[in-house]
PDB file of N, CA and C in Angstrom:
ATOM      1  N   THR A   1      -2.730   2.355 -11.835  1.00  0.00           N
ATOM      2  CA  THR A   1      -2.365   0.611 -12.552  1.00  0.00           C
ATOM      3  C   THR A   1      -3.971  -0.232 -11.730  1.00  0.00           C
ATOM      4  N   PRO A   2      -3.506  -0.940 -11.824  1.00  0.00           N
ATOM      5  CA  PRO A   2      -4.778  -2.300 -11.601  1.00  0.00           C
ATOM      6  C   PRO A   2      -4.335  -2.517  -9.459  1.00  0.00           C
ATOM      7  N   LEU A   3      -3.069  -2.325  -9.607  1.00  0.00           N
ATOM      8  CA  LEU A   3      -1.715  -2.860  -8.182  1.00  0.00           C
ATOM      9  C   LEU A   3      -2.112  -1.403  -7.613  1.00  0.00           C
ATOM     10  N   HIS A   4      -2.455  -0.550  -7.912  1.00  0.00           N
ATOM     11  CA  HIS A   4      -3.047   0.468  -6.828  1.00  0.00           C
ATOM     12  C   HIS A   4      -4.674   0.761  -6.371  1.00  0.00           C
ATOM     13  N   ILE A   5      -5.080  -0.122  -7.571  1.00  0.00           N
ATOM     14  CA  ILE A   5      -6.714  -0.060  -7.160  1.00  0.00           C
ATOM     15  C   ILE A   5      -6.843  -1.242  -6.068  1.00  0.00           C
ATOM     16  N   ALA A   6      -6.215  -2.346  -6.607  1.00  0.00           N
ATOM     17  CA  ALA A   6      -6.174  -4.033  -5.206  1.00  0.00           C
ATOM     18  C   ALA A   6      -5.788  -3.134  -4.080  1.00  0.00           C
ATOM     19  N   ALA A   7      -4.418  -2.395  -3.681  1.00  0.00           N
ATOM     20  CA  ALA A   7      -4.214  -2.451  -2.612  1.00  0.00           C
ATOM     21  C   ALA A   7      -5.179  -1.274  -1.938  1.00  0.00           C
ATOM     22  N   LYS A   8      -5.810  -0.172  -2.956  1.00  0.00           N
ATOM     23  CA  LYS A   8      -7.168   0.560  -2.455  1.00  0.00           C
ATOM     24  C   LYS A   8      -8.140   0.342  -1.509  1.00  0.00           C
ATOM     25  N   ASN A   9      -8.725  -0.952  -2.723  1.00  0.00           N
ATOM     26  CA  ASN A   9      -9.489  -1.820  -1.861  1.00  0.00           C
ATOM     27  C   ASN A   9      -9.294  -2.492  -0.948  1.00  0.00           C
ATOM     28  N   GLY A  10      -7.944  -3.351  -0.895  1.00  0.00           N
ATOM     29  CA  GLY A  10      -7.636  -4.318   0.192  1.00  0.00           C
ATOM     30  C   GLY A  10      -7.895  -5.768   0.119  1.00  0.00           C
ATOM     31  N   ASN A  11      -7.846  -5.465  -1.626  1.00  0.00           N
ATOM     32  CA  ASN A  11      -7.392  -7.604  -2.073  1.00  0.00           C
ATOM     33  C   ASN A  11      -6.719  -7.963  -2.192  1.00  0.00           C
ATOM     34  N   TYR A  12      -5.755  -8.335  -0.864  1.00  0.00           N
ATOM     35  CA  TYR A  12      -4.277  -8.993  -0.933  1.00  0.00           C
ATOM     36  C   TYR A  12      -4.081  -9.954  -2.155  1.00  0.00           C
ATOM     37  N   GLU A  13      -4.844 -11.165  -2.618  1.00  0.00           N
ATOM     38  CA  GLU A  13      -5.274 -12.041  -3.620  1.00  0.00           C
ATOM     39  C   GLU A  13      -4.648 -11.427  -5.118  1.00  0.00           C
ATOM     40  N   PHE A  14      -5.539  -9.910  -5.292  1.00  0.00           N
ATOM     41  CA  PHE A  14      -5.576 -10.324  -6.466  1.00  0.00           C
ATOM     42  C   PHE A  14      -3.923  -9.026  -6.175  1.00  0.00           C
ATOM     43  N   ALA A  15      -3.747  -8.276  -5.525  1.00  0.00           N
ATOM     44  CA  ALA A  15      -2.543  -7.710  -5.061  1.00  0.00           C
ATOM     45  C   ALA A  15      -1.182  -8.099  -5.471  1.00  0.00           C
ATOM     46  N   GLU A  16      -1.530  -9.954  -4.727  1.00  0.00           N
ATOM     47  CA  GLU A  16      -0.230 -10.641  -4.912  1.00  0.00           C
ATOM     48  C   GLU A  16       0.472 -10.987  -5.956  1.00  0.00           C
ATOM     49  N   PHE A  17      -1.023 -11.433  -6.634  1.00  0.00           N
ATOM     50  CA  PHE A  17      -1.453 -12.032  -8.540  1.00  0.00           C
ATOM     51  C   PHE A  17      -0.709 -10.529  -9.720  1.00  0.00           C
ATOM     52  N   LEU A  18      -0.587  -9.978  -9.337  1.00  0.00           N
ATOM     53  CA  LEU A  18      -0.377  -8.678 -10.306  1.00  0.00           C
ATOM     54  C   LEU A  18       0.902  -8.576  -9.925  1.00  0.00           C
ATOM     55  N   ILE A  19       1.598  -8.843  -8.449  1.00  0.00           N
ATOM     56  CA  ILE A  19       3.040  -8.565  -8.327  1.00  0.00           C
ATOM     57  C   ILE A  19       3.596  -9.418  -8.977  1.00  0.00           C
ATOM     58  N   SER A  20       2.811 -11.072  -8.690  1.00  0.00           N
ATOM     59  CA  SER A  20       3.910 -11.289  -9.356  1.00  0.00           C
ATOM     60  C   SER A  20       3.605 -11.862 -10.914  1.00  0.00           C
ATOM     61  N   ARG A  21       3.034 -11.100 -11.608  1.00  0.00           N
ATOM     62  CA  ARG A  21       3.031 -11.083 -13.364  1.00  0.00           C
ATOM     63  C   ARG A  21       3.659 -10.004 -13.344  1.00  0.00           C
ATOM     64  N   GLY A  22       4.849  -9.491 -12.359  1.00  0.00           N
ATOM     65  CA  GLY A  22       5.317  -8.316 -12.571  1.00  0.00           C
ATOM     66  C   GLY A  22       4.805  -7.083 -12.248  1.00  0.00           C
ATOM     67  N   ALA A  23       3.883  -7.120 -12.428  1.00  0.00           N
ATOM     68  CA  ALA A  23       3.559  -5.109 -11.521  1.00  0.00           C
ATOM     69  C   ALA A  23       4.378  -4.361  -9.945  1.00  0.00           C
ATOM     70  N   LYS A  24       4.482  -3.207 -11.135  1.00  0.00           N
ATOM     71  CA  LYS A  24       5.999  -2.677 -10.295  1.00  0.00           C
ATOM     72  C   LYS A  24       5.254  -1.851  -9.464  1.00  0.00           C
ATOM     73  N   VAL A  25       5.545  -1.904  -8.211  1.00  0.00           N
ATOM     74  CA  VAL A  25       5.122  -1.240  -6.713  1.00  0.00           C
ATOM     75  C   VAL A  25       5.601  -0.347  -6.876  1.00  0.00           C
ATOM     76  N   ASN A  26       6.247   0.180  -7.024  1.00  0.00           N
ATOM     77  CA  ASN A  26       7.094   1.499  -7.097  1.00  0.00           C
ATOM     78  C   ASN A  26       6.534   2.786  -7.681  1.00  0.00           C
ATOM     79  N   SER A  27       5.389   2.300  -9.570  1.00  0.00           N
ATOM     80  CA  SER A  27       4.701   2.895 -10.084  1.00  0.00           C
ATOM     81  C   SER A  27       4.365   3.857  -8.864  1.00  0.00           C
ATOM     82  N   LYS A  28       3.954   5.425 -10.015  1.00  0.00           N
ATOM     83  CA  LYS A  28       3.009   6.206  -9.118  1.00  0.00           C
ATOM     84  C   LYS A  28       1.730   6.837 -10.439  1.00  0.00           C
ATOM     85  N   ASP A  29       1.064   6.898  -9.426  1.00  0.00           N
ATOM     86  CA  ASP A  29      -0.125   6.626 -10.254  1.00  0.00           C
ATOM     87  C   ASP A  29       0.068   9.247 -10.415  1.00  0.00           C
ATOM     88  N   ASP A  30      -1.409   9.866 -10.493  1.00  0.00           N
ATOM     89  CA  ASP A  30      -1.351  10.959 -11.285  1.00  0.00           C
ATOM     90  C   ASP A  30      -0.457  11.892  -9.716  1.00  0.00           C
ATOM     91  N   ALA A  31      -1.111  11.256  -8.937  1.00  0.00           N
ATOM     92  CA  ALA A  31      -1.214  11.859  -7.587  1.00  0.00           C
ATOM     93  C   ALA A  31       0.225  12.184  -7.611  1.00  0.00           C
ATOM     94  N   GLY A  32       1.446  10.783  -8.084  1.00  0.00           N
ATOM     95  CA  GLY A  32       2.572  10.639  -7.598  1.00  0.00           C
ATOM     96  C   GLY A  32       2.572   9.570  -6.111  1.00  0.00           C
ATOM     97  N   ARG A  33       1.091   8.765  -6.163  1.00  0.00           N
ATOM     98  CA  ARG A  33       1.115   8.160  -5.255  1.00  0.00           C
ATOM     99  C   ARG A  33       1.584   6.361  -6.159  1.00  0.00           C
ATOM    100  N   THR A  34       2.175   5.858  -4.718  1.00  0.00           N
ATOM    101  CA  THR A  34       2.193   4.074  -5.112  1.00  0.00           C
ATOM    102  C   THR A  34       1.437   3.102  -4.515  1.00  0.00           C
ATOM    103  N   CYS A  35       1.062   2.143  -4.845  1.00  0.00           N
ATOM    104  CA  CYS A  35       0.872   1.447  -4.182  1.00  0.00           C
ATOM    105  C   CYS A  35       0.825   1.305  -2.730  1.00  0.00           C
ATOM    106  N   LEU A  36       1.599   1.603  -2.354  1.00  0.00           N
ATOM    107  CA  LEU A  36       2.109   1.732  -0.858  1.00  0.00           C
ATOM    108  C   LEU A  36       0.917   2.555   0.073  1.00  0.00           C
ATOM    109  N   HIS A  37       0.850   3.970  -1.072  1.00  0.00           N
ATOM    110  CA  HIS A  37       0.257   4.959  -0.378  1.00  0.00           C
ATOM    111  C   HIS A  37      -1.299   4.618  -0.415  1.00  0.00           C
ATOM    112  N   TYR A  38      -1.567   3.380  -0.775  1.00  0.00           N
ATOM    113  CA  TYR A  38      -3.044   3.335  -0.815  1.00  0.00           C
ATOM    114  C   TYR A  38      -3.555   2.490  -0.157  1.00  0.00           C
ATOM    115  N   ALA A  39      -2.593   1.238   0.047  1.00  0.00           N
ATOM    116  CA  ALA A  39      -2.345   0.027   0.789  1.00  0.00           C
ATOM    117  C   ALA A  39      -2.884   1.090   2.136  1.00  0.00           C
ATOM    118  N   ALA A  40      -1.771   2.069   2.666  1.00  0.00           N
ATOM    119  CA  ALA A  40      -1.673   2.947   3.977  1.00  0.00           C
ATOM    120  C   ALA A  40      -3.294   3.053   4.507  1.00  0.00           C
ATOM    121  N   LEU A  41      -3.802   3.834   3.169  1.00  0.00           N
ATOM    122  CA  LEU A  41      -5.284   4.407   2.969  1.00  0.00           C
ATOM    123  C   LEU A  41      -6.150   3.715   3.514  1.00  0.00           C
ATOM    124  N   SER A  42      -5.751   1.931   2.907  1.00  0.00           N
ATOM    125  CA  SER A  42      -7.044   1.173   2.594  1.00  0.00           C
ATOM    126  C   SER A  42      -7.117   0.778   4.418  1.00  0.00           C
ATOM    127  N   ASN A  43      -5.763   1.415   5.229  1.00  0.00           N
ATOM    128  CA  ASN A  43      -5.573   0.517   6.493  1.00  0.00           C
ATOM    129  C   ASN A  43      -4.821  -1.444   6.728  1.00  0.00           C
ATOM    130  N   SER A  44      -4.856  -1.403   5.022  1.00  0.00           N
ATOM    131  CA  SER A  44      -4.831  -3.187   5.018  1.00  0.00           C
ATOM    132  C   SER A  44      -3.222  -3.220   5.433  1.00  0.00           C
ATOM    133  N   ILE A  45      -3.351  -3.574   6.547  1.00  0.00           N
ATOM    134  CA  ILE A  45      -1.680  -4.632   7.460  1.00  0.00           C
ATOM    135  C   ILE A  45      -1.005  -5.611   6.092  1.00  0.00           C
ATOM    136  N   SER A  46      -1.872  -6.583   5.764  1.00  0.00           N
ATOM    137  CA  SER A  46      -1.733  -7.716   4.693  1.00  0.00           C
ATOM    138  C   SER A  46      -0.859  -7.464   3.703  1.00  0.00           C
ATOM    139  N   ILE A  47      -1.395  -6.506   2.873  1.00  0.00           N
ATOM    140  CA  ILE A  47      -0.614  -5.408   1.531  1.00  0.00           C
ATOM    141  C   ILE A  47       0.160  -4.681   1.427  1.00  0.00           C
ATOM    142  N   THR A  48       0.151  -3.645   2.873  1.00  0.00           N
ATOM    143  CA  THR A  48       1.436  -3.232   2.723  1.00  0.00           C
ATOM    144  C   THR A  48       2.890  -3.906   3.488  1.00  0.00           C
ATOM    145  N   GLU A  49       2.684  -5.068   4.421  1.00  0.00           N
ATOM    146  CA  GLU A  49       3.592  -5.721   4.201  1.00  0.00           C
ATOM    147  C   GLU A  49       3.924  -6.255   3.218  1.00  0.00           C
ATOM    148  N   LEU A  50       2.597  -7.057   2.221  1.00  0.00           N
ATOM    149  CA  LEU A  50       3.322  -7.408   0.626  1.00  0.00           C
ATOM    150  C   LEU A  50       4.027  -6.715   0.180  1.00  0.00           C
ATOM    151  N   ILE A  51       3.623  -5.679   0.314  1.00  0.00           N
ATOM    152  CA  ILE A  51       4.446  -4.763  -0.920  1.00  0.00           C
ATOM    153  C   ILE A  51       5.476  -4.653  -0.730  1.00  0.00           C
ATOM    154  N   ILE A  52       5.587  -4.078   0.816  1.00  0.00           N
ATOM    155  CA  ILE A  52       6.956  -3.514   1.274  1.00  0.00           C
ATOM    156  C   ILE A  52       7.889  -4.596   1.076  1.00  0.00           C
ATOM    157  N   ARG A  53       7.574  -5.437   1.468  1.00  0.00           N
ATOM    158  CA  ARG A  53       8.133  -6.887   1.372  1.00  0.00           C
ATOM    159  C   ARG A  53       8.579  -7.222   0.003  1.00  0.00           C
ATOM    160  N   LYS A  54       7.564  -6.834  -0.803  1.00  0.00           N
ATOM    161  CA  LYS A  54       8.362  -6.797  -2.804  1.00  0.00           C
ATOM    162  C   LYS A  54       8.965  -5.793  -3.385  1.00  0.00           C
ATOM    163  N   GLY A  55       9.310  -5.210  -2.628  1.00  0.00           N
ATOM    164  CA  GLY A  55      10.849  -3.988  -2.273  1.00  0.00           C
ATOM    165  C   GLY A  55       9.655  -2.267  -2.833  1.00  0.00           C
ATOM    166  N   ALA A  56       8.913  -2.117  -2.429  1.00  0.00           N
ATOM    167  CA  ALA A  56       8.066  -0.443  -2.005  1.00  0.00           C
ATOM    168  C   ALA A  56       9.250   0.221  -1.313  1.00  0.00           C
ATOM    169  N   ASP A  57       8.989   1.578  -1.819  1.00  0.00           N
ATOM    170  CA  ASP A  57       9.542   2.388  -1.178  1.00  0.00           C
ATOM    171  C   ASP A  57       8.847   2.598  -0.079  1.00  0.00           C
ATOM    172  N   ILE A  58       8.893   2.276   0.694  1.00  0.00           N
ATOM    173  CA  ILE A  58       8.236   3.404   2.815  1.00  0.00           C
ATOM    174  C   ILE A  58       8.540   4.383   2.383  1.00  0.00           C
ATOM    175  N   GLU A  59       9.451   5.268   2.556  1.00  0.00           N
ATOM    176  CA  GLU A  59       9.765   6.506   1.990  1.00  0.00           C
ATOM    177  C   GLU A  59       9.020   7.840   1.077  1.00  0.00           C
ATOM    178  N   ASP A  60       8.574   6.580  -0.198  1.00  0.00           N
ATOM    179  CA  ASP A  60       8.040   7.239  -1.044  1.00  0.00           C
ATOM    180  C   ASP A  60       7.496   8.079  -1.150  1.00  0.00           C
ATOM    181  N   ARG A  61       7.574   9.414  -1.076  1.00  0.00           N
ATOM    182  CA  ARG A  61       6.393  10.745  -1.122  1.00  0.00           C
ATOM    183  C   ARG A  61       5.801  10.857  -2.597  1.00  0.00           C
ATOM    184  N   ASP A  62       4.608  11.241  -1.920  1.00  0.00           N
ATOM    185  CA  ASP A  62       2.847  11.614  -3.572  1.00  0.00           C
ATOM    186  C   ASP A  62       4.052  13.105  -3.502  1.00  0.00           C
ATOM    187  N   THR A  63       3.194  13.715  -4.356  1.00  0.00           N
ATOM    188  CA  THR A  63       3.696  15.147  -5.390  1.00  0.00           C
ATOM    189  C   THR A  63       3.134  16.155  -3.722  1.00  0.00           C
ATOM    190  N   GLY A  64       2.433  15.690  -3.203  1.00  0.00           N
ATOM    191  CA  GLY A  64       2.393  16.936  -1.617  1.00  0.00           C
ATOM    192  C   GLY A  64       3.759  16.960  -0.955  1.00  0.00           C
ATOM    193  N   GLY A  65       5.060  15.157  -1.631  1.00  0.00           N
ATOM    194  CA  GLY A  65       5.119  14.865  -0.075  1.00  0.00           C
ATOM    195  C   GLY A  65       4.890  14.677   0.901  1.00  0.00           C
ATOM    196  N   HIS A  66       3.917  13.561   0.945  1.00  0.00           N
ATOM    197  CA  HIS A  66       2.768  13.122   1.549  1.00  0.00           C
ATOM    198  C   HIS A  66       3.754  11.627   1.837  1.00  0.00           C
ATOM    199  N   THR A  67       4.188  10.833   2.429  1.00  0.00           N
ATOM    200  CA  THR A  67       4.812   9.535   2.642  1.00  0.00           C
ATOM    201  C   THR A  67       3.912   8.284   3.356  1.00  0.00           C
ATOM    202  N   PRO A  68       3.474   7.046   2.924  1.00  0.00           N
ATOM    203  CA  PRO A  68       2.587   6.238   3.375  1.00  0.00           C
ATOM    204  C   PRO A  68       2.642   6.245   4.785  1.00  0.00           C
ATOM    205  N   LEU A  69       3.294   6.964   5.933  1.00  0.00           N
ATOM    206  CA  LEU A  69       3.363   7.077   7.348  1.00  0.00           C
ATOM    207  C   LEU A  69       1.782   8.117   7.037  1.00  0.00           C
ATOM    208  N   HIS A  70       2.481   9.555   6.545  1.00  0.00           N
ATOM    209  CA  HIS A  70       1.419  10.454   6.711  1.00  0.00           C
ATOM    210  C   HIS A  70       0.316  10.235   6.209  1.00  0.00           C
ATOM    211  N   LEU A  71       0.292   9.422   5.531  1.00  0.00           N
ATOM    212  CA  LEU A  71      -1.064   8.848   4.972  1.00  0.00           C
ATOM    213  C   LEU A  71      -2.174   8.188   6.128  1.00  0.00           C
ATOM    214  N   ALA A  72      -1.692   7.550   6.328  1.00  0.00           N
ATOM    215  CA  ALA A  72      -2.080   6.913   7.556  1.00  0.00           C
ATOM    216  C   ALA A  72      -2.309   7.238   8.674  1.00  0.00           C
ATOM    217  N   VAL A  73      -1.733   8.052   9.296  1.00  0.00           N
ATOM    218  CA  VAL A  73      -2.044   9.171   9.964  1.00  0.00           C
ATOM    219  C   VAL A  73      -3.295  10.069  10.017  1.00  0.00           C
ATOM    220  N   LYS A  74      -2.933  11.055   8.724  1.00  0.00           N
ATOM    221  CA  LYS A  74      -4.173  12.006   8.398  1.00  0.00           C
ATOM    222  C   LYS A  74      -5.508  10.688   8.528  1.00  0.00           C
ATOM    223  N   LYS A  75      -5.676   9.641   7.974  1.00  0.00           N
ATOM    224  CA  LYS A  75      -6.631   9.317   7.404  1.00  0.00           C
ATOM    225  C   LYS A  75      -7.296   7.922   9.330  1.00  0.00           C
ATOM    226  N   GLY A  76      -6.533   7.935   9.923  1.00  0.00           N
ATOM    227  CA  GLY A  76      -6.522   7.602  11.514  1.00  0.00           C
ATOM    228  C   GLY A  76      -6.488   6.086  11.237  1.00  0.00           C
ATOM    229  N   CYS A  77      -5.583   5.291  10.301  1.00  0.00           N
ATOM    230  CA  CYS A  77      -5.013   3.542  10.091  1.00  0.00           C
ATOM    231  C   CYS A  77      -3.943   3.472  11.383  1.00  0.00           C
ATOM    232  N   THR A  78      -5.198   3.265  11.877  1.00  0.00           N
ATOM    233  CA  THR A  78      -4.188   2.929  13.077  1.00  0.00           C
ATOM    234  C   THR A  78      -2.765   1.821  13.154  1.00  0.00           C
ATOM    235  N   GLN A  79      -4.000   0.665  12.724  1.00  0.00           N
ATOM    236  CA  GLN A  79      -2.394  -0.344  12.024  1.00  0.00           C
ATOM    237  C   GLN A  79      -2.146  -0.463  11.232  1.00  0.00           C
ATOM    238  N   VAL A  80      -1.827   0.737  10.387  1.00  0.00           N
ATOM    239  CA  VAL A  80      -1.106   0.566   9.489  1.00  0.00           C
ATOM    240  C   VAL A  80       0.727   1.953   9.924  1.00  0.00           C
ATOM    241  N   ILE A  81      -0.176   2.242  10.729  1.00  0.00           N
ATOM    242  CA  ILE A  81       0.513   3.570  11.824  1.00  0.00           C
ATOM    243  C   ILE A  81       1.958   2.392  12.130  1.00  0.00           C
ATOM    244  N   LYS A  82       1.463   1.484  13.313  1.00  0.00           N
ATOM    245  CA  LYS A  82       2.018   0.748  13.459  1.00  0.00           C
ATOM    246  C   LYS A  82       3.374  -0.426  13.005  1.00  0.00           C
ATOM    247  N   LYS A  83       2.931  -0.839  11.484  1.00  0.00           N
ATOM    248  CA  LYS A  83       3.436  -2.024  11.698  1.00  0.00           C
ATOM    249  C   LYS A  83       4.136  -0.670  10.408  1.00  0.00           C
ATOM    250  N   LEU A  84       4.197   0.779   9.775  1.00  0.00           N
ATOM    251  CA  LEU A  84       4.941   0.903   8.933  1.00  0.00           C
ATOM    252  C   LEU A  84       6.291   1.406   9.624  1.00  0.00           C
ATOM    253  N   PHE A  85       6.008   1.712  11.152  1.00  0.00           N
ATOM    254  CA  PHE A  85       6.560   2.122  12.086  1.00  0.00           C
ATOM    255  C   PHE A  85       7.643   1.181  12.472  1.00  0.00           C
ATOM    256  N   GLU A  86       7.091   0.051  12.824  1.00  0.00           N
ATOM    257  CA  GLU A  86       8.098  -1.577  12.753  1.00  0.00           C
ATOM    258  C   GLU A  86       8.455  -1.056  11.937  1.00  0.00           C
ATOM    259  N   LEU A  87       7.991  -1.275   9.862  1.00  0.00           N
ATOM    260  CA  LEU A  87       8.667  -2.116   9.570  1.00  0.00           C
ATOM    261  C   LEU A  87       9.719  -0.187   8.553  1.00  0.00           C
ATOM    262  N   GLY A  88      10.361   0.080   9.709  1.00  0.00           N
ATOM    263  CA  GLY A  88      11.170   1.503   8.998  1.00  0.00           C
ATOM    264  C   GLY A  88      11.128   2.753   8.693  1.00  0.00           C
ATOM    265  N   ALA A  89       9.113   2.821   8.456  1.00  0.00           N
ATOM    266  CA  ALA A  89       8.972   4.680   8.269  1.00  0.00           C
ATOM    267  C   ALA A  89       9.637   5.809   9.219  1.00  0.00           C
ATOM    268  N   ASP A  90       9.991   6.471   8.327  1.00  0.00           N
ATOM    269  CA  ASP A  90      10.717   7.773   9.364  1.00  0.00           C
ATOM    270  C   ASP A  90       9.115   8.279  10.254  1.00  0.00           C
ATOM    271  N   ILE A  91       9.208   8.227  10.696  1.00  0.00           N
ATOM    272  CA  ILE A  91       7.708   9.571  11.380  1.00  0.00           C
ATOM    273  C   ILE A  91       8.390  10.992  11.529  1.00  0.00           C
ATOM    274  N   THR A  92       9.795  11.063  11.064  1.00  0.00           N
ATOM    275  CA  THR A  92       9.567  12.612  11.443  1.00  0.00           C
ATOM    276  C   THR A  92       9.733  12.566  10.035  1.00  0.00           C
ATOM    277  N   ALA A  93       9.831  12.391   9.226  1.00  0.00           N
ATOM    278  CA  ALA A  93       9.918  12.631   7.753  1.00  0.00           C
ATOM    279  C   ALA A  93       8.724  14.248   7.237  1.00  0.00           C
ATOM    280  N   THR A  94       9.445  15.333   6.765  1.00  0.00           N
ATOM    281  CA  THR A  94       8.118  16.110   6.659  1.00  0.00           C
ATOM    282  C   THR A  94       7.807  15.968   5.110  1.00  0.00           C
ATOM    283  N   ASP A  95       6.778  16.746   5.159  1.00  0.00           N
ATOM    284  CA  ASP A  95       5.785  17.062   3.852  1.00  0.00           C
ATOM    285  C   ASP A  95       6.498  17.853   3.099  1.00  0.00           C
ATOM    286  N   SER A  96       5.760  18.225   2.064  1.00  0.00           N
ATOM    287  CA  SER A  96       6.341  19.679   1.040  1.00  0.00           C
ATOM    288  C   SER A  96       5.984  20.817   2.289  1.00  0.00           C
ATOM    289  N   ASP A  97       4.876  20.642   2.749  1.00  0.00           N
ATOM    290  CA  ASP A  97       5.170  22.094   3.589  1.00  0.00           C
ATOM    291  C   ASP A  97       5.864  22.178   5.168  1.00  0.00           C
ATOM    292  N   GLY A  98       6.710  20.918   5.083  1.00  0.00           N
ATOM    293  CA  GLY A  98       7.548  20.994   6.359  1.00  0.00           C
ATOM    294  C   GLY A  98       6.082  20.042   7.388  1.00  0.00           C
ATOM    295  N   ARG A  99       5.091  19.708   7.535  1.00  0.00           N
ATOM    296  CA  ARG A  99       4.266  19.353   8.183  1.00  0.00           C
ATOM    297  C   ARG A  99       5.004  18.000   8.720  1.00  0.00           C
ATOM    298  N   HIS A 100       5.276  17.175   9.583  1.00  0.00           N
ATOM    299  CA  HIS A 100       5.194  15.640  10.116  1.00  0.00           C
ATOM    300  C   HIS A 100       3.678  15.073  10.975  1.00  0.00           C
ATOM    301  N   CYS A 101       4.463  13.506  11.384  1.00  0.00           N
ATOM    302  CA  CYS A 101       3.273  13.193  11.733  1.00  0.00           C
ATOM    303  C   CYS A 101       2.698  13.406  12.704  1.00  0.00           C
ATOM    304  N   VAL A 102       3.801  14.228  13.548  1.00  0.00           N
ATOM    305  CA  VAL A 102       2.403  15.201  15.115  1.00  0.00           C
ATOM    306  C   VAL A 102       1.475  16.350  14.698  1.00  0.00           C
ATOM    307  N   HIS A 103       1.891  16.394  13.095  1.00  0.00           N
ATOM    308  CA  HIS A 103       1.329  18.387  13.405  1.00  0.00           C
ATOM    309  C   HIS A 103      -0.357  17.390  12.380  1.00  0.00           C
ATOM    310  N   TYR A 104       0.434  16.242  11.903  1.00  0.00           N
ATOM    311  CA  TYR A 104      -1.067  15.841  11.291  1.00  0.00           C
ATOM    312  C   TYR A 104      -2.211  15.010  12.442  1.00  0.00           C
ATOM    313  N   ILE A 105      -1.369  14.885  13.679  1.00  0.00           N
ATOM    314  CA  ILE A 105      -2.320  14.231  15.036  1.00  0.00           C
ATOM    315  C   ILE A 105      -2.836  15.407  15.407  1.00  0.00           C
ATOM    316  N   ALA A 106      -2.664  16.085  15.788  1.00  0.00           N
ATOM    317  CA  ALA A 106      -3.047  17.938  16.074  1.00  0.00           C
ATOM    318  C   ALA A 106      -4.510  18.216  15.060  1.00  0.00           C
ATOM    319  N   GLU A 107      -4.656  17.264  13.628  1.00  0.00           N
ATOM    320  CA  GLU A 107      -5.765  17.835  13.409  1.00  0.00           C
ATOM    321  C   GLU A 107      -6.986  16.499  13.790  1.00  0.00           C
ATOM    322  N   GLN A 108      -6.729  15.475  14.530  1.00  0.00           N
ATOM    323  CA  GLN A 108      -7.129  14.076  14.863  1.00  0.00           C
ATOM    324  C   GLN A 108      -8.238  14.352  15.658  1.00  0.00           C
ATOM    325  N   THR A 109      -9.058  14.188  15.947  1.00  0.00           N
ATOM    326  CA  THR A 109     -10.326  13.628  16.594  1.00  0.00           C
ATOM    327  C   THR A 109     -10.100  12.378  17.169  1.00  0.00           C
ATOM    328  N   ASP A 110     -10.261  11.101  16.258  1.00  0.00           N
ATOM    329  CA  ASP A 110      -9.095   9.716  16.841  1.00  0.00           C
ATOM    330  C   ASP A 110      -8.136   9.714  17.718  1.00  0.00           C
ATOM    331  N   ILE A 111      -9.469   8.806  19.241  1.00  0.00           N
ATOM    332  CA  ILE A 111      -7.952   9.054  20.138  1.00  0.00           C
ATOM    333  C   ILE A 111      -7.241   7.416  19.727  1.00  0.00           C
ATOM    334  N   SER A 112      -7.212   6.607  19.271  1.00  0.00           N
ATOM    335  CA  SER A 112      -6.404   5.907  18.800  1.00  0.00           C
ATOM    336  C   SER A 112      -5.628   6.527  18.469  1.00  0.00           C
ATOM    337  N   THR A 113      -5.712   6.902  17.056  1.00  0.00           N
ATOM    338  CA  THR A 113      -4.823   7.761  16.500  1.00  0.00           C
ATOM    339  C   THR A 113      -4.090   8.146  16.860  1.00  0.00           C
ATOM    340  N   ILE A 114      -4.500   9.582  18.038  1.00  0.00           N
ATOM    341  CA  ILE A 114      -3.007  10.167  19.072  1.00  0.00           C
ATOM    342  C   ILE A 114      -2.459   9.135  19.716  1.00  0.00           C
ATOM    343  N   GLN A 115      -2.950   8.643  20.208  1.00  0.00           N
ATOM    344  CA  GLN A 115      -2.061   7.244  20.980  1.00  0.00           C
ATOM    345  C   GLN A 115      -1.249   6.437  20.420  1.00  0.00           C
ATOM    346  N   ALA A 116      -1.722   6.246  19.072  1.00  0.00           N
ATOM    347  CA  ALA A 116      -0.672   5.242  17.966  1.00  0.00           C
ATOM    348  C   ALA A 116       0.284   6.186  17.801  1.00  0.00           C
ATOM    349  N   VAL A 117      -0.102   6.934  17.205  1.00  0.00           N
ATOM    350  CA  VAL A 117       1.354   7.647  16.707  1.00  0.00           C
ATOM    351  C   VAL A 117       2.558   8.267  18.202  1.00  0.00           C
ATOM    352  N   LEU A 118       1.576   8.914  19.333  1.00  0.00           N
ATOM    353  CA  LEU A 118       2.305   9.204  20.227  1.00  0.00           C
ATOM    354  C   LEU A 118       2.891   8.190  20.767  1.00  0.00           C
ATOM    355  N   GLU A 119       2.575   6.983  20.545  1.00  0.00           N
ATOM    356  CA  GLU A 119       3.303   5.441  21.131  1.00  0.00           C
ATOM    357  C   GLU A 119       4.250   5.511  20.580  1.00  0.00           C
ATOM    358  N   VAL A 120       4.493   5.665  19.031  1.00  0.00           N
ATOM    359  CA  VAL A 120       5.396   5.313  18.305  1.00  0.00           C
ATOM    360  C   VAL A 120       6.551   6.416  17.590  1.00  0.00           C
ATOM    361  N   SER A 121       6.197   8.004  18.540  1.00  0.00           N
ATOM    362  CA  SER A 121       7.149   9.069  18.658  1.00  0.00           C
ATOM    363  C   SER A 121       7.789   8.392  20.012  1.00  0.00           C
ATOM    364  N   LEU A 122       7.702   8.371  20.997  1.00  0.00           N
ATOM    365  CA  LEU A 122       8.281   7.685  22.907  1.00  0.00           C
ATOM    366  C   LEU A 122       9.003   5.914  22.130  1.00  0.00           C
ATOM    367  N   LEU A 123       8.384   5.613  21.160  1.00  0.00           N
ATOM    368  CA  LEU A 123       9.959   3.938  20.750  1.00  0.00           C
ATOM    369  C   LEU A 123      10.231   4.687  20.034  1.00  0.00           C
ATOM    370  N   CYS A 124      10.766   5.863  19.115  1.00  0.00           N
ATOM    371  CA  CYS A 124      11.546   6.853  19.117  1.00  0.00           C
ATOM    372  C   CYS A 124      12.568   7.141  19.737  1.00  0.00           C
ATOM    373  N   ARG A 125      12.197   7.492  20.671  1.00  0.00           N
ATOM    374  CA  ARG A 125      13.498   8.602  21.732  1.00  0.00           C
ATOM    375  C   ARG A 125      14.098   6.949  22.851  1.00  0.00           C
ATOM    376  N   SER A 126      13.412   6.052  22.831  1.00  0.00           N
ATOM    377  CA  SER A 126      14.109   5.544  23.747  1.00  0.00           C
ATOM    378  C   SER A 126      15.476   4.552  22.692  1.00  0.00           C
TER     379      SER A 126
END
């Protein structure tokens, strides 16, 4: 949808316009992804916040069982990782293969992504 494209490209103004005109924040594309999945992948905090504020399901899953948080970790989007956690994302959620965020950081080489997930994990235990 146009909203998916706006989220993917980090175009806040257009995303806000589309939502104000009735675009559905929880509609899915062929991969089962919502605009929140794409906002997470684009590392756009402002669009992530907008979409959640407008009713997006923060735990929605694509066809592989990935939440927006899973995708943000896989792509190394550290700011969105922290924001999704702050807004209530479940860091222990598993995908269709039983993997969660800690599994994805094992595949990461970017130290800032590893640190972000570990910080969030430690906050969960406090």
